[in-house]
Amino acid sequence: MIKITILGSGTAAPRLERNMSGYLLEAGNKKILFDSGAGTIRQLLKLKINLLDVNNIFYTHLHNDHINDLGAVIWSNTEVLKTDIKKQCSKEFRGNIILAKDKMKINI
C-alpha cells in the first residue's frame, strides 16, 4: 500500500493555515520525504514520525519554500543529538538527499 501525506502545500509567503511544501510518501516499510519547506518538521512530529525512519529525501528545486527545514531535518532528532553525530548518522540514517533538477545525490 502507498500512502501520501501532504505536510504542506503553501507558497513562499508564510501563512497560519498552510505550511510550505512538504510531502511524505510511505510504501511498505519505506518513508520518502519530498521537499521540506518551513513547518515540515512540526508536521512530522505531529504524525509521530521519527526522522531516523525517513529513508530518502528528494528536493524538487532549491527555492526557500522547499528547503527551509532542511537543517532541522538533519539535526532535529533528539536521539541523534544525544550521541556522536557521525557514528549515529552513518549507522542509523543511511538515506539519501537527492536534488531532482541537477540529479545530485548526497549519501548520508
PDB file of N, CA and C in Angstrom:
ATOM      1  N   MET A   1       0.835  -1.180   0.000  1.00  0.00           N
ATOM      2  CA  MET A   1       0.000   0.000   0.000  1.00  0.00           C
ATOM      3  C   MET A   1       0.884   1.249   0.000  1.00  0.00           C
ATOM      4  N   ILE A   2       0.486   2.227  -0.768  1.00  0.00           N
ATOM      5  CA  ILE A   2       1.203   3.502  -0.836  1.00  0.00           C
ATOM      6  C   ILE A   2       0.332   4.581  -0.205  1.00  0.00           C
ATOM      7  N   LYS A   3       0.967   5.377   0.658  1.00  0.00           N
ATOM      8  CA  LYS A   3       0.255   6.460   1.331  1.00  0.00           C
ATOM      9  C   LYS A   3       1.042   7.751   1.124  1.00  0.00           C
ATOM     10  N   ILE A   4       0.345   8.816   0.721  1.00  0.00           N
ATOM     11  CA  ILE A   4       0.966  10.127   0.566  1.00  0.00           C
ATOM     12  C   ILE A   4       0.300  11.081   1.559  1.00  0.00           C
ATOM     13  N   THR A   5       1.143  11.732   2.375  1.00  0.00           N
ATOM     14  CA  THR A   5       0.652  12.710   3.342  1.00  0.00           C
ATOM     15  C   THR A   5       1.162  14.085   2.935  1.00  0.00           C
ATOM     16  N   ILE A   6       0.251  15.019   2.763  1.00  0.00           N
ATOM     17  CA  ILE A   6       0.631  16.386   2.431  1.00  0.00           C
ATOM     18  C   ILE A   6       0.949  17.101   3.738  1.00  0.00           C
ATOM     19  N   LEU A   7       2.221  17.425   3.927  1.00  0.00           N
ATOM     20  CA  LEU A   7       2.683  18.116   5.129  1.00  0.00           C
ATOM     21  C   LEU A   7       2.562  19.626   4.968  1.00  0.00           C
ATOM     22  N   GLY A   8       2.600  20.078   3.732  1.00  0.00           N
ATOM     23  CA  GLY A   8       2.465  21.491   3.409  1.00  0.00           C
ATOM     24  C   GLY A   8       2.378  21.663   1.912  1.00  0.00           C
ATOM     25  N   SER A   9       1.611  22.639   1.487  1.00  0.00           N
ATOM     26  CA  SER A   9       1.454  22.877   0.047  1.00  0.00           C
ATOM     27  C   SER A   9       1.319  24.365  -0.254  1.00  0.00           C
ATOM     28  N   GLY A  10       1.796  25.180   0.665  1.00  0.00           N
ATOM     29  CA  GLY A  10       1.644  26.623   0.518  1.00  0.00           C
ATOM     30  C   GLY A  10       2.716  27.244  -0.362  1.00  0.00           C
ATOM     31  N   THR A  11       2.719  28.547  -0.366  1.00  0.00           N
ATOM     32  CA  THR A  11       3.680  29.305  -1.164  1.00  0.00           C
ATOM     33  C   THR A  11       4.815  29.796  -0.276  1.00  0.00           C
ATOM     34  N   ALA A  12       5.708  30.584  -0.835  1.00  0.00           N
ATOM     35  CA  ALA A  12       6.857  31.097  -0.088  1.00  0.00           C
ATOM     36  C   ALA A  12       6.446  32.091   0.994  1.00  0.00           C
ATOM     37  N   ALA A  13       5.280  32.676   0.884  1.00  0.00           N
ATOM     38  CA  ALA A  13       4.799  33.612   1.906  1.00  0.00           C
ATOM     39  C   ALA A  13       4.190  32.824   3.065  1.00  0.00           C
ATOM     40  N   PRO A  14       4.686  33.019   4.297  1.00  0.00           N
ATOM     41  CA  PRO A  14       4.154  32.272   5.445  1.00  0.00           C
ATOM     42  C   PRO A  14       2.659  32.515   5.658  1.00  0.00           C
ATOM     43  N   ARG A  15       1.949  31.461   5.993  1.00  0.00           N
ATOM     44  CA  ARG A  15       0.513  31.514   6.268  1.00  0.00           C
ATOM     45  C   ARG A  15       0.232  30.690   7.515  1.00  0.00           C
ATOM     46  N   LEU A  16      -0.680  31.143   8.337  1.00  0.00           N
ATOM     47  CA  LEU A  16      -1.044  30.381   9.528  1.00  0.00           C
ATOM     48  C   LEU A  16      -1.731  29.069   9.176  1.00  0.00           C
ATOM     49  N   GLU A  17      -2.489  29.072   8.105  1.00  0.00           N
ATOM     50  CA  GLU A  17      -3.294  27.899   7.770  1.00  0.00           C
ATOM     51  C   GLU A  17      -2.606  26.911   6.821  1.00  0.00           C
ATOM     52  N   ARG A  18      -1.428  27.259   6.292  1.00  0.00           N
ATOM     53  CA  ARG A  18      -0.750  26.351   5.349  1.00  0.00           C
ATOM     54  C   ARG A  18       0.753  26.391   5.563  1.00  0.00           C
ATOM     55  N   ASN A  19       1.362  25.224   5.601  1.00  0.00           N
ATOM     56  CA  ASN A  19       2.820  25.137   5.646  1.00  0.00           C
ATOM     57  C   ASN A  19       3.367  25.160   4.234  1.00  0.00           C
ATOM     58  N   MET A  20       4.655  25.405   4.145  1.00  0.00           N
ATOM     59  CA  MET A  20       5.316  25.374   2.837  1.00  0.00           C
ATOM     60  C   MET A  20       5.484  23.923   2.383  1.00  0.00           C
ATOM     61  N   SER A  21       5.957  23.710   1.188  1.00  0.00           N
ATOM     62  CA  SER A  21       5.986  22.398   0.543  1.00  0.00           C
ATOM     63  C   SER A  21       6.653  21.306   1.364  1.00  0.00           C
ATOM     64  N   GLY A  22       5.969  20.196   1.477  1.00  0.00           N
ATOM     65  CA  GLY A  22       6.488  19.002   2.121  1.00  0.00           C
ATOM     66  C   GLY A  22       5.503  17.861   1.941  1.00  0.00           C
ATOM     67  N   TYR A  23       6.013  16.714   1.513  1.00  0.00           N
ATOM     68  CA  TYR A  23       5.158  15.551   1.249  1.00  0.00           C
ATOM     69  C   TYR A  23       5.857  14.310   1.753  1.00  0.00           C
ATOM     70  N   LEU A  24       5.126  13.427   2.403  1.00  0.00           N
ATOM     71  CA  LEU A  24       5.680  12.170   2.884  1.00  0.00           C
ATOM     72  C   LEU A  24       5.023  11.021   2.135  1.00  0.00           C
ATOM     73  N   LEU A  25       5.840  10.227   1.470  1.00  0.00           N
ATOM     74  CA  LEU A  25       5.359   9.052   0.763  1.00  0.00           C
ATOM     75  C   LEU A  25       5.773   7.830   1.573  1.00  0.00           C
ATOM     76  N   GLU A  26       4.811   6.963   1.885  1.00  0.00           N
ATOM     77  CA  GLU A  26       5.093   5.730   2.603  1.00  0.00           C
ATOM     78  C   GLU A  26       4.671   4.562   1.719  1.00  0.00           C
ATOM     79  N   ALA A  27       5.614   3.676   1.481  1.00  0.00           N
ATOM     80  CA  ALA A  27       5.352   2.491   0.655  1.00  0.00           C
ATOM     81  C   ALA A  27       6.006   1.302   1.346  1.00  0.00           C
ATOM     82  N   GLY A  28       5.189   0.399   1.847  1.00  0.00           N
ATOM     83  CA  GLY A  28       5.733  -0.706   2.619  1.00  0.00           C
ATOM     84  C   GLY A  28       6.407  -0.168   3.864  1.00  0.00           C
ATOM     85  N   ASN A  29       7.663  -0.536   4.055  1.00  0.00           N
ATOM     86  CA  ASN A  29       8.397  -0.035   5.224  1.00  0.00           C
ATOM     87  C   ASN A  29       9.294   1.154   4.879  1.00  0.00           C
ATOM     88  N   LYS A  30       9.130   1.730   3.703  1.00  0.00           N
ATOM     89  CA  LYS A  30       9.938   2.877   3.261  1.00  0.00           C
ATOM     90  C   LYS A  30       9.177   4.177   3.480  1.00  0.00           C
ATOM     91  N   LYS A  31       9.931   5.201   3.933  1.00  0.00           N
ATOM     92  CA  LYS A  31       9.390   6.546   4.074  1.00  0.00           C
ATOM     93  C   LYS A  31      10.276   7.480   3.263  1.00  0.00           C
ATOM     94  N   ILE A  32       9.651   8.227   2.364  1.00  0.00           N
ATOM     95  CA  ILE A  32      10.381   9.144   1.492  1.00  0.00           C
ATOM     96  C   ILE A  32       9.772  10.533   1.656  1.00  0.00           C
ATOM     97  N   LEU A  33      10.644  11.495   1.955  1.00  0.00           N
ATOM     98  CA  LEU A  33      10.206  12.878   2.128  1.00  0.00           C
ATOM     99  C   LEU A  33      10.517  13.656   0.853  1.00  0.00           C
ATOM    100  N   PHE A  34       9.513  14.345   0.316  1.00  0.00           N
ATOM    101  CA  PHE A  34       9.699  15.221  -0.836  1.00  0.00           C
ATOM    102  C   PHE A  34       9.608  16.654  -0.341  1.00  0.00           C
ATOM    103  N   ASP A  35      10.707  17.377  -0.462  1.00  0.00           N
ATOM    104  CA  ASP A  35      10.810  18.768  -0.030  1.00  0.00           C
ATOM    105  C   ASP A  35      10.626  18.886   1.490  1.00  0.00           C
ATOM    106  N   SER A  36      11.155  19.970   2.032  1.00  0.00           N
ATOM    107  CA  SER A  36      10.997  20.217   3.471  1.00  0.00           C
ATOM    108  C   SER A  36      10.945  21.719   3.722  1.00  0.00           C
ATOM    109  N   GLY A  37       9.866  22.329   3.224  1.00  0.00           N
ATOM    110  CA  GLY A  37       9.659  23.749   3.466  1.00  0.00           C
ATOM    111  C   GLY A  37       9.366  23.998   4.938  1.00  0.00           C
ATOM    112  N   ALA A  38       9.332  25.256   5.330  1.00  0.00           N
ATOM    113  CA  ALA A  38       9.079  25.612   6.727  1.00  0.00           C
ATOM    114  C   ALA A  38       7.794  24.953   7.225  1.00  0.00           C
ATOM    115  N   GLY A  39       7.877  24.343   8.408  1.00  0.00           N
ATOM    116  CA  GLY A  39       6.731  23.670   9.008  1.00  0.00           C
ATOM    117  C   GLY A  39       6.733  22.165   8.814  1.00  0.00           C
ATOM    118  N   THR A  40       7.600  21.648   7.957  1.00  0.00           N
ATOM    119  CA  THR A  40       7.634  20.214   7.680  1.00  0.00           C
ATOM    120  C   THR A  40       7.976  19.416   8.932  1.00  0.00           C
ATOM    121  N   ILE A  41       8.981  19.849   9.673  1.00  0.00           N
ATOM    122  CA  ILE A  41       9.376  19.128  10.886  1.00  0.00           C
ATOM    123  C   ILE A  41       8.226  19.085  11.890  1.00  0.00           C
ATOM    124  N   ARG A  42       7.576  20.210  12.069  1.00  0.00           N
ATOM    125  CA  ARG A  42       6.443  20.251  13.006  1.00  0.00           C
ATOM    126  C   ARG A  42       5.352  19.269  12.589  1.00  0.00           C
ATOM    127  N   GLN A  43       5.088  19.199  11.296  1.00  0.00           N
ATOM    128  CA  GLN A  43       4.065  18.279  10.795  1.00  0.00           C
ATOM    129  C   GLN A  43       4.477  16.820  11.018  1.00  0.00           C
ATOM    130  N   LEU A  44       5.757  16.504  10.777  1.00  0.00           N
ATOM    131  CA  LEU A  44       6.231  15.139  11.017  1.00  0.00           C
ATOM    132  C   LEU A  44       6.113  14.778  12.492  1.00  0.00           C
ATOM    133  N   LEU A  45       6.460  15.713  13.372  1.00  0.00           N
ATOM    134  CA  LEU A  45       6.351  15.466  14.810  1.00  0.00           C
ATOM    135  C   LEU A  45       4.899  15.226  15.218  1.00  0.00           C
ATOM    136  N   LYS A  46       3.974  15.984  14.628  1.00  0.00           N
ATOM    137  CA  LYS A  46       2.550  15.775  14.916  1.00  0.00           C
ATOM    138  C   LYS A  46       2.118  14.364  14.540  1.00  0.00           C
ATOM    139  N   LEU A  47       2.704  13.839  13.456  1.00  0.00           N
ATOM    140  CA  LEU A  47       2.371  12.488  12.990  1.00  0.00           C
ATOM    141  C   LEU A  47       3.172  11.403  13.710  1.00  0.00           C
ATOM    142  N   LYS A  48       4.042  11.828  14.649  1.00  0.00           N
ATOM    143  CA  LYS A  48       4.901  10.910  15.398  1.00  0.00           C
ATOM    144  C   LYS A  48       5.836  10.120  14.487  1.00  0.00           C
ATOM    145  N   ILE A  49       6.342  10.806  13.446  1.00  0.00           N
ATOM    146  CA  ILE A  49       7.304  10.210  12.517  1.00  0.00           C
ATOM    147  C   ILE A  49       8.708  10.489  13.054  1.00  0.00           C
ATOM    148  N   ASN A  50       9.473   9.446  13.298  1.00  0.00           N
ATOM    149  CA  ASN A  50      10.861   9.564  13.725  1.00  0.00           C
ATOM    150  C   ASN A  50      11.696   9.862  12.480  1.00  0.00           C
ATOM    151  N   LEU A  51      12.476  10.917  12.525  1.00  0.00           N
ATOM    152  CA  LEU A  51      13.269  11.296  11.356  1.00  0.00           C
ATOM    153  C   LEU A  51      14.264  10.220  10.940  1.00  0.00           C
ATOM    154  N   LEU A  52      14.698   9.403  11.888  1.00  0.00           N
ATOM    155  CA  LEU A  52      15.620   8.318  11.523  1.00  0.00           C
ATOM    156  C   LEU A  52      14.917   7.236  10.707  1.00  0.00           C
ATOM    157  N   ASP A  53      13.596   7.277  10.670  1.00  0.00           N
ATOM    158  CA  ASP A  53      12.841   6.311   9.867  1.00  0.00           C
ATOM    159  C   ASP A  53      12.648   6.770   8.426  1.00  0.00           C
ATOM    160  N   VAL A  54      13.040   8.022   8.118  1.00  0.00           N
ATOM    161  CA  VAL A  54      12.938   8.527   6.746  1.00  0.00           C
ATOM    162  C   VAL A  54      14.126   7.987   5.957  1.00  0.00           C
ATOM    163  N   ASN A  55      13.848   7.244   4.885  1.00  0.00           N
ATOM    164  CA  ASN A  55      14.886   6.586   4.107  1.00  0.00           C
ATOM    165  C   ASN A  55      15.551   7.494   3.084  1.00  0.00           C
ATOM    166  N   ASN A  56      14.769   8.362   2.460  1.00  0.00           N
ATOM    167  CA  ASN A  56      15.293   9.249   1.420  1.00  0.00           C
ATOM    168  C   ASN A  56      14.578  10.584   1.470  1.00  0.00           C
ATOM    169  N   ILE A  57      15.301  11.617   1.047  1.00  0.00           N
ATOM    170  CA  ILE A  57      14.720  12.949   0.928  1.00  0.00           C
ATOM    171  C   ILE A  57      15.002  13.441  -0.490  1.00  0.00           C
ATOM    172  N   PHE A  58      13.966  13.864  -1.184  1.00  0.00           N
ATOM    173  CA  PHE A  58      14.096  14.388  -2.533  1.00  0.00           C
ATOM    174  C   PHE A  58      13.721  15.865  -2.531  1.00  0.00           C
ATOM    175  N   TYR A  59      14.516  16.685  -3.218  1.00  0.00           N
ATOM    176  CA  TYR A  59      14.202  18.099  -3.375  1.00  0.00           C
ATOM    177  C   TYR A  59      13.922  18.379  -4.841  1.00  0.00           C
ATOM    178  N   THR A  60      12.753  18.944  -5.098  1.00  0.00           N
ATOM    179  CA  THR A  60      12.366  19.224  -6.481  1.00  0.00           C
ATOM    180  C   THR A  60      13.165  20.387  -7.049  1.00  0.00           C
ATOM    181  N   HIS A  61      13.476  21.373  -6.194  1.00  0.00           N
ATOM    182  CA  HIS A  61      14.328  22.501  -6.558  1.00  0.00           C
ATOM    183  C   HIS A  61      14.702  23.237  -5.278  1.00  0.00           C
ATOM    184  N   LEU A  62      15.635  24.174  -5.370  1.00  0.00           N
ATOM    185  CA  LEU A  62      16.202  24.791  -4.180  1.00  0.00           C
ATOM    186  C   LEU A  62      15.616  26.149  -3.808  1.00  0.00           C
ATOM    187  N   HIS A  63      14.337  26.357  -4.031  1.00  0.00           N
ATOM    188  CA  HIS A  63      13.690  27.570  -3.539  1.00  0.00           C
ATOM    189  C   HIS A  63      13.460  27.421  -2.037  1.00  0.00           C
ATOM    190  N   ASN A  64      13.499  28.551  -1.321  1.00  0.00           N
ATOM    191  CA  ASN A  64      13.355  28.504   0.131  1.00  0.00           C
ATOM    192  C   ASN A  64      12.103  27.786   0.602  1.00  0.00           C
ATOM    193  N   ASP A  65      10.992  27.958  -0.102  1.00  0.00           N
ATOM    194  CA  ASP A  65       9.758  27.320   0.344  1.00  0.00           C
ATOM    195  C   ASP A  65       9.789  25.803   0.207  1.00  0.00           C
ATOM    196  N   HIS A  66      10.857  25.261  -0.361  1.00  0.00           N
ATOM    197  CA  HIS A  66      11.017  23.808  -0.487  1.00  0.00           C
ATOM    198  C   HIS A  66      12.138  23.260   0.399  1.00  0.00           C
ATOM    199  N   ILE A  67      13.023  24.132   0.900  1.00  0.00           N
ATOM    200  CA  ILE A  67      14.182  23.638   1.659  1.00  0.00           C
ATOM    201  C   ILE A  67      14.361  24.276   3.039  1.00  0.00           C
ATOM    202  N   ASN A  68      13.465  25.147   3.470  1.00  0.00           N
ATOM    203  CA  ASN A  68      13.660  25.868   4.737  1.00  0.00           C
ATOM    204  C   ASN A  68      13.940  24.960   5.930  1.00  0.00           C
ATOM    205  N   ASP A  69      13.322  23.808   6.012  1.00  0.00           N
ATOM    206  CA  ASP A  69      13.519  22.912   7.151  1.00  0.00           C
ATOM    207  C   ASP A  69      14.626  21.885   6.933  1.00  0.00           C
ATOM    208  N   LEU A  70      15.435  22.036   5.891  1.00  0.00           N
ATOM    209  CA  LEU A  70      16.491  21.061   5.632  1.00  0.00           C
ATOM    210  C   LEU A  70      17.434  20.914   6.828  1.00  0.00           C
ATOM    211  N   GLY A  71      17.894  22.018   7.375  1.00  0.00           N
ATOM    212  CA  GLY A  71      18.770  21.938   8.542  1.00  0.00           C
ATOM    213  C   GLY A  71      18.102  21.240   9.704  1.00  0.00           C
ATOM    214  N   ALA A  72      16.843  21.553   9.926  1.00  0.00           N
ATOM    215  CA  ALA A  72      16.098  20.921  11.012  1.00  0.00           C
ATOM    216  C   ALA A  72      15.897  19.431  10.755  1.00  0.00           C
ATOM    217  N   VAL A  73      15.667  19.050   9.512  1.00  0.00           N
ATOM    218  CA  VAL A  73      15.518  17.629   9.178  1.00  0.00           C
ATOM    219  C   VAL A  73      16.782  16.877   9.564  1.00  0.00           C
ATOM    220  N   ILE A  74      17.924  17.458   9.259  1.00  0.00           N
ATOM    221  CA  ILE A  74      19.192  16.788   9.522  1.00  0.00           C
ATOM    222  C   ILE A  74      19.521  16.766  11.011  1.00  0.00           C
ATOM    223  N   TRP A  75      19.252  17.857  11.723  1.00  0.00           N
ATOM    224  CA  TRP A  75      19.744  17.996  13.092  1.00  0.00           C
ATOM    225  C   TRP A  75      18.729  17.857  14.199  1.00  0.00           C
ATOM    226  N   SER A  76      17.449  17.788  13.931  1.00  0.00           N
ATOM    227  CA  SER A  76      16.463  17.906  14.999  1.00  0.00           C
ATOM    228  C   SER A  76      16.175  16.638  15.785  1.00  0.00           C
ATOM    229  N   ASN A  77      16.565  15.479  15.299  1.00  0.00           N
ATOM    230  CA  ASN A  77      16.234  14.261  16.031  1.00  0.00           C
ATOM    231  C   ASN A  77      17.015  14.197  17.342  1.00  0.00           C
ATOM    232  N   THR A  78      16.312  14.164  18.449  1.00  0.00           N
ATOM    233  CA  THR A  78      16.972  14.219  19.757  1.00  0.00           C
ATOM    234  C   THR A  78      17.835  12.994  20.026  1.00  0.00           C
ATOM    235  N   GLU A  79      17.492  11.863  19.484  1.00  0.00           N
ATOM    236  CA  GLU A  79      18.321  10.672  19.675  1.00  0.00           C
ATOM    237  C   GLU A  79      19.685  10.861  19.027  1.00  0.00           C
ATOM    238  N   VAL A  80      19.710  11.495  17.858  1.00  0.00           N
ATOM    239  CA  VAL A  80      20.974  11.766  17.185  1.00  0.00           C
ATOM    240  C   VAL A  80      21.787  12.764  18.003  1.00  0.00           C
ATOM    241  N   LEU A  81      21.117  13.798  18.514  1.00  0.00           N
ATOM    242  CA  LEU A  81      21.836  14.835  19.244  1.00  0.00           C
ATOM    243  C   LEU A  81      22.408  14.332  20.570  1.00  0.00           C
ATOM    244  N   LYS A  82      21.855  13.254  21.124  1.00  0.00           N
ATOM    245  CA  LYS A  82      22.349  12.712  22.386  1.00  0.00           C
ATOM    246  C   LYS A  82      23.596  11.860  22.201  1.00  0.00           C
ATOM    247  N   THR A  83      23.932  11.510  20.975  1.00  0.00           N
ATOM    248  CA  THR A  83      25.055  10.617  20.732  1.00  0.00           C
ATOM    249  C   THR A  83      26.038  11.260  19.768  1.00  0.00           C
ATOM    250  N   ASP A  84      27.084  10.553  19.462  1.00  0.00           N
ATOM    251  CA  ASP A  84      28.079  11.024  18.500  1.00  0.00           C
ATOM    252  C   ASP A  84      27.415  11.137  17.132  1.00  0.00           C
ATOM    253  N   ILE A  85      27.335  12.353  16.601  1.00  0.00           N
ATOM    254  CA  ILE A  85      26.608  12.613  15.355  1.00  0.00           C
ATOM    255  C   ILE A  85      27.099  11.735  14.212  1.00  0.00           C
ATOM    256  N   LYS A  86      28.401  11.702  13.973  1.00  0.00           N
ATOM    257  CA  LYS A  86      28.910  10.931  12.835  1.00  0.00           C
ATOM    258  C   LYS A  86      28.573   9.449  12.955  1.00  0.00           C
ATOM    259  N   LYS A  87      28.797   8.880  14.114  1.00  0.00           N
ATOM    260  CA  LYS A  87      28.507   7.452  14.299  1.00  0.00           C
ATOM    261  C   LYS A  87      27.029   7.168  14.119  1.00  0.00           C
ATOM    262  N   GLN A  88      26.193   7.970  14.759  1.00  0.00           N
ATOM    263  CA  GLN A  88      24.759   7.731  14.718  1.00  0.00           C
ATOM    264  C   GLN A  88      24.210   7.899  13.310  1.00  0.00           C
ATOM    265  N   CYS A  89      24.621   8.958  12.623  1.00  0.00           N
ATOM    266  CA  CYS A  89      24.101   9.193  11.280  1.00  0.00           C
ATOM    267  C   CYS A  89      24.547   8.100  10.322  1.00  0.00           C
ATOM    268  N   SER A  90      25.800   7.709  10.395  1.00  0.00           N
ATOM    269  CA  SER A  90      26.257   6.685   9.472  1.00  0.00           C
ATOM    270  C   SER A  90      25.626   5.335   9.795  1.00  0.00           C
ATOM    271  N   LYS A  91      25.325   5.105  11.066  1.00  0.00           N
ATOM    272  CA  LYS A  91      24.746   3.827  11.472  1.00  0.00           C
ATOM    273  C   LYS A  91      23.234   3.789  11.258  1.00  0.00           C
ATOM    274  N   GLU A  92      22.552   4.853  11.672  1.00  0.00           N
ATOM    275  CA  GLU A  92      21.097   4.853  11.682  1.00  0.00           C
ATOM    276  C   GLU A  92      20.447   5.462  10.437  1.00  0.00           C
ATOM    277  N   PHE A  93      20.944   6.598  10.006  1.00  0.00           N
ATOM    278  CA  PHE A  93      20.330   7.279   8.864  1.00  0.00           C
ATOM    279  C   PHE A  93      21.157   6.970   7.628  1.00  0.00           C
ATOM    280  N   ARG A  94      20.773   5.947   6.942  1.00  0.00           N
ATOM    281  CA  ARG A  94      21.514   5.535   5.746  1.00  0.00           C
ATOM    282  C   ARG A  94      20.744   5.947   4.500  1.00  0.00           C
ATOM    283  N   GLY A  95      20.140   7.087   4.565  1.00  0.00           N
ATOM    284  CA  GLY A  95      19.319   7.544   3.459  1.00  0.00           C
ATOM    285  C   GLY A  95      20.081   8.425   2.497  1.00  0.00           C
ATOM    286  N   ASN A  96      19.358   9.037   1.629  1.00  0.00           N
ATOM    287  CA  ASN A  96      19.922   9.897   0.605  1.00  0.00           C
ATOM    288  C   ASN A  96      19.164  11.205   0.574  1.00  0.00           C
ATOM    289  N   ILE A  97      19.863  12.247   0.201  1.00  0.00           N
ATOM    290  CA  ILE A  97      19.225  13.513  -0.122  1.00  0.00           C
ATOM    291  C   ILE A  97      19.456  13.716  -1.607  1.00  0.00           C
ATOM    292  N   ILE A  98      18.389  13.868  -2.364  1.00  0.00           N
ATOM    293  CA  ILE A  98      18.509  13.952  -3.818  1.00  0.00           C
ATOM    294  C   ILE A  98      17.839  15.218  -4.327  1.00  0.00           C
ATOM    295  N   LEU A  99      18.562  15.975  -5.120  1.00  0.00           N
ATOM    296  CA  LEU A  99      18.009  17.155  -5.780  1.00  0.00           C
ATOM    297  C   LEU A  99      17.627  16.740  -7.197  1.00  0.00           C
ATOM    298  N   ALA A 100      16.342  16.720  -7.471  1.00  0.00           N
ATOM    299  CA  ALA A 100      15.844  16.192  -8.736  1.00  0.00           C
ATOM    300  C   ALA A 100      16.377  16.935  -9.953  1.00  0.00           C
ATOM    301  N   LYS A 101      16.380  18.246  -9.889  1.00  0.00           N
ATOM    302  CA  LYS A 101      16.737  19.055 -11.057  1.00  0.00           C
ATOM    303  C   LYS A 101      18.147  18.753 -11.566  1.00  0.00           C
ATOM    304  N   ASP A 102      19.111  18.714 -10.652  1.00  0.00           N
ATOM    305  CA  ASP A 102      20.503  18.524 -11.051  1.00  0.00           C
ATOM    306  C   ASP A 102      20.972  17.079 -10.932  1.00  0.00           C
ATOM    307  N   LYS A 103      20.062  16.200 -10.545  1.00  0.00           N
ATOM    308  CA  LYS A 103      20.387  14.780 -10.349  1.00  0.00           C
ATOM    309  C   LYS A 103      21.572  14.614  -9.397  1.00  0.00           C
ATOM    310  N   MET A 104      21.628  15.500  -8.410  1.00  0.00           N
ATOM    311  CA  MET A 104      22.663  15.444  -7.404  1.00  0.00           C
ATOM    312  C   MET A 104      22.201  14.526  -6.286  1.00  0.00           C
ATOM    313  N   LYS A 105      23.052  13.669  -5.792  1.00  0.00           N
ATOM    314  CA  LYS A 105      22.702  12.752  -4.733  1.00  0.00           C
ATOM    315  C   LYS A 105      23.743  12.855  -3.634  1.00  0.00           C
ATOM    316  N   ILE A 106      23.293  13.079  -2.409  1.00  0.00           N
ATOM    317  CA  ILE A 106      24.187  13.142  -1.266  1.00  0.00           C
ATOM    318  C   ILE A 106      23.859  11.967  -0.376  1.00  0.00           C
ATOM    319  N   ASN A 107      24.801  11.078  -0.183  1.00  0.00           N
ATOM    320  CA  ASN A 107      24.593   9.963   0.746  1.00  0.00           C
ATOM    321  C   ASN A 107      24.985  10.403   2.132  1.00  0.00           C
ATOM    322  N   ILE A 108      24.149  10.079   3.097  1.00  0.00           N
ATOM    323  CA  ILE A 108      24.450  10.421   4.490  1.00  0.00           C
ATOM    324  C   ILE A 108      24.700   9.135   5.243  1.00  0.00           C
TER     325      ILE A 108
END
